[in-house]
């Protein structure tokens, strides 16, 4: 289950990733707000910097090369990229 979807133009900082997680817990795309027990993330996205903080609050970090994307994700990512290009080009 995806709690939030977010794209970045550049590699996100640990602070940016933490903020994404906070949004996911407070305003998830599905279900009620909650703290996940497990966080599955792309292996190359920099989440390792937050591993200690996540463990302190009871979240297990699971890095994977293959995330199963939800229905509609290709369309969503395409829309997000187009919106980003519109903002960059004025």
C-alpha atoms as a PDB file:
ATOM      1  CA  UNK A   1       0.000   0.000   0.000  1.00  0.00           C
ATOM      2  CA  UNK A   2       1.263   3.458  -0.849  1.00  0.00           C
ATOM      3  CA  UNK A   3       0.777   6.132   1.773  1.00  0.00           C
ATOM      4  CA  UNK A   4       2.203   8.924  -0.371  1.00  0.00           C
ATOM      5  CA  UNK A   5       3.809   9.419  -3.768  1.00  0.00           C
ATOM      6  CA  UNK A   6       6.439  12.098  -4.290  1.00  0.00           C
ATOM      7  CA  UNK A   7       8.907  12.879  -7.056  1.00  0.00           C
ATOM      8  CA  UNK A   8      12.068  14.946  -6.752  1.00  0.00           C
ATOM      9  CA  UNK A   9      14.021  16.735  -9.465  1.00  0.00           C
ATOM     10  CA  UNK A  10      17.297  15.902  -7.684  1.00  0.00           C
ATOM     11  CA  UNK A  11      18.346  13.347  -5.074  1.00  0.00           C
ATOM     12  CA  UNK A  12      16.346  14.227  -1.937  1.00  0.00           C
ATOM     13  CA  UNK A  13      18.029  15.185   1.305  1.00  0.00           C
ATOM     14  CA  UNK A  14      17.351  13.274   4.520  1.00  0.00           C
ATOM     15  CA  UNK A  15      15.228  16.223   5.681  1.00  0.00           C
ATOM     16  CA  UNK A  16      13.109  16.109   2.512  1.00  0.00           C
ATOM     17  CA  UNK A  17      12.592  12.358   2.912  1.00  0.00           C
ATOM     18  CA  UNK A  18      11.630  12.812   6.564  1.00  0.00           C
ATOM     19  CA  UNK A  19       9.047  15.433   5.532  1.00  0.00           C
ATOM     20  CA  UNK A  20       7.593  13.031   2.942  1.00  0.00           C
ATOM     21  CA  UNK A  21       7.245  10.397   5.658  1.00  0.00           C
ATOM     22  CA  UNK A  22       5.528  12.872   7.997  1.00  0.00           C
ATOM     23  CA  UNK A  23       3.004  13.768   5.286  1.00  0.00           C
ATOM     24  CA  UNK A  24       2.435  10.071   4.598  1.00  0.00           C
ATOM     25  CA  UNK A  25       1.697   9.393   8.260  1.00  0.00           C
ATOM     26  CA  UNK A  26      -0.488  12.475   8.802  1.00  0.00           C
ATOM     27  CA  UNK A  27      -2.370  12.524   5.474  1.00  0.00           C
ATOM     28  CA  UNK A  28      -2.011   9.119   3.770  1.00  0.00           C
ATOM     29  CA  UNK A  29      -3.550   8.580   0.338  1.00  0.00           C
ATOM     30  CA  UNK A  30      -5.536   5.688   1.766  1.00  0.00           C
ATOM     31  CA  UNK A  31      -6.679   4.594   5.220  1.00  0.00           C
ATOM     32  CA  UNK A  32      -6.534   6.624   8.387  1.00  0.00           C
ATOM     33  CA  UNK A  33      -3.416   8.489   9.578  1.00  0.00           C
ATOM     34  CA  UNK A  34      -1.003   6.074  11.243  1.00  0.00           C
ATOM     35  CA  UNK A  35       2.638   5.189  11.753  1.00  0.00           C
ATOM     36  CA  UNK A  36       3.670   2.295   9.524  1.00  0.00           C
ATOM     37  CA  UNK A  37       5.478  -0.678  11.008  1.00  0.00           C
ATOM     38  CA  UNK A  38       7.480  -1.155   7.824  1.00  0.00           C
ATOM     39  CA  UNK A  39       8.661   1.319   5.203  1.00  0.00           C
ATOM     40  CA  UNK A  40       9.491  -0.105   1.779  1.00  0.00           C
ATOM     41  CA  UNK A  41      11.652   2.274  -0.231  1.00  0.00           C
ATOM     42  CA  UNK A  42      13.748   2.273  -3.388  1.00  0.00           C
ATOM     43  CA  UNK A  43      17.254   1.138  -2.501  1.00  0.00           C
ATOM     44  CA  UNK A  44      18.980   4.111  -4.109  1.00  0.00           C
ATOM     45  CA  UNK A  45      16.957   7.000  -2.679  1.00  0.00           C
ATOM     46  CA  UNK A  46      18.958   7.929   0.436  1.00  0.00           C
ATOM     47  CA  UNK A  47      16.669   6.511   3.115  1.00  0.00           C
ATOM     48  CA  UNK A  48      19.638   4.846   4.820  1.00  0.00           C
ATOM     49  CA  UNK A  49      20.429   8.223   6.452  1.00  0.00           C
ATOM     50  CA  UNK A  50      17.128   7.935   8.365  1.00  0.00           C
ATOM     51  CA  UNK A  51      17.451   4.288   9.389  1.00  0.00           C
ATOM     52  CA  UNK A  52      18.412   5.056  12.997  1.00  0.00           C
ATOM     53  CA  UNK A  53      15.597   7.578  13.472  1.00  0.00           C
ATOM     54  CA  UNK A  54      13.090   5.180  11.935  1.00  0.00           C
ATOM     55  CA  UNK A  55      14.184   2.349  14.236  1.00  0.00           C
ATOM     56  CA  UNK A  56      13.808   4.656  17.264  1.00  0.00           C
ATOM     57  CA  UNK A  57      10.125   5.141  16.446  1.00  0.00           C
ATOM     58  CA  UNK A  58       9.505   1.496  15.604  1.00  0.00           C
ATOM     59  CA  UNK A  59       9.618   1.605  11.789  1.00  0.00           C
ATOM     60  CA  UNK A  60      11.606  -1.080   9.976  1.00  0.00           C
ATOM     61  CA  UNK A  61      13.296   0.186   6.807  1.00  0.00           C
ATOM     62  CA  UNK A  62      13.057  -2.276   3.910  1.00  0.00           C
ATOM     63  CA  UNK A  63      15.058  -1.318   0.823  1.00  0.00           C
ATOM     64  CA  UNK A  64      14.129  -2.924  -2.469  1.00  0.00           C
ATOM     65  CA  UNK A  65      15.007  -2.608  -6.135  1.00  0.00           C
ATOM     66  CA  UNK A  66      11.483  -3.476  -7.210  1.00  0.00           C
ATOM     67  CA  UNK A  67       8.593  -1.522  -5.757  1.00  0.00           C
ATOM     68  CA  UNK A  68       5.155  -2.646  -6.908  1.00  0.00           C
ATOM     69  CA  UNK A  69       3.560   0.518  -8.178  1.00  0.00           C
ATOM     70  CA  UNK A  70      -0.182   1.010  -7.679  1.00  0.00           C
ATOM     71  CA  UNK A  71      -2.716   1.283 -10.469  1.00  0.00           C
ATOM     72  CA  UNK A  72      -2.543   4.686 -12.102  1.00  0.00           C
ATOM     73  CA  UNK A  73       1.067   5.325 -11.087  1.00  0.00           C
ATOM     74  CA  UNK A  74       2.449   5.686 -14.654  1.00  0.00           C
ATOM     75  CA  UNK A  75      -0.189   8.317 -15.404  1.00  0.00           C
ATOM     76  CA  UNK A  76       0.438  10.085 -12.100  1.00  0.00           C
ATOM     77  CA  UNK A  77       4.210  10.247 -12.617  1.00  0.00           C
ATOM     78  CA  UNK A  78       3.713  11.509 -16.162  1.00  0.00           C
ATOM     79  CA  UNK A  79       1.373  14.256 -14.906  1.00  0.00           C
ATOM     80  CA  UNK A  80       3.864  15.180 -12.160  1.00  0.00           C
ATOM     81  CA  UNK A  81       6.705  15.475 -14.678  1.00  0.00           C
ATOM     82  CA  UNK A  82       4.607  17.602 -17.029  1.00  0.00           C
ATOM     83  CA  UNK A  83       3.624  19.903 -14.162  1.00  0.00           C
ATOM     84  CA  UNK A  84       7.280  20.220 -13.164  1.00  0.00           C
ATOM     85  CA  UNK A  85       8.257  21.118 -16.732  1.00  0.00           C
ATOM     86  CA  UNK A  86       5.470  23.738 -16.882  1.00  0.00           C
ATOM     87  CA  UNK A  87       6.775  25.338 -13.691  1.00  0.00           C
ATOM     88  CA  UNK A  88      10.370  25.358 -14.959  1.00  0.00           C
ATOM     89  CA  UNK A  89       9.413  26.834 -18.329  1.00  0.00           C
ATOM     90  CA  UNK A  90       7.166  29.476 -16.824  1.00  0.00           C
END
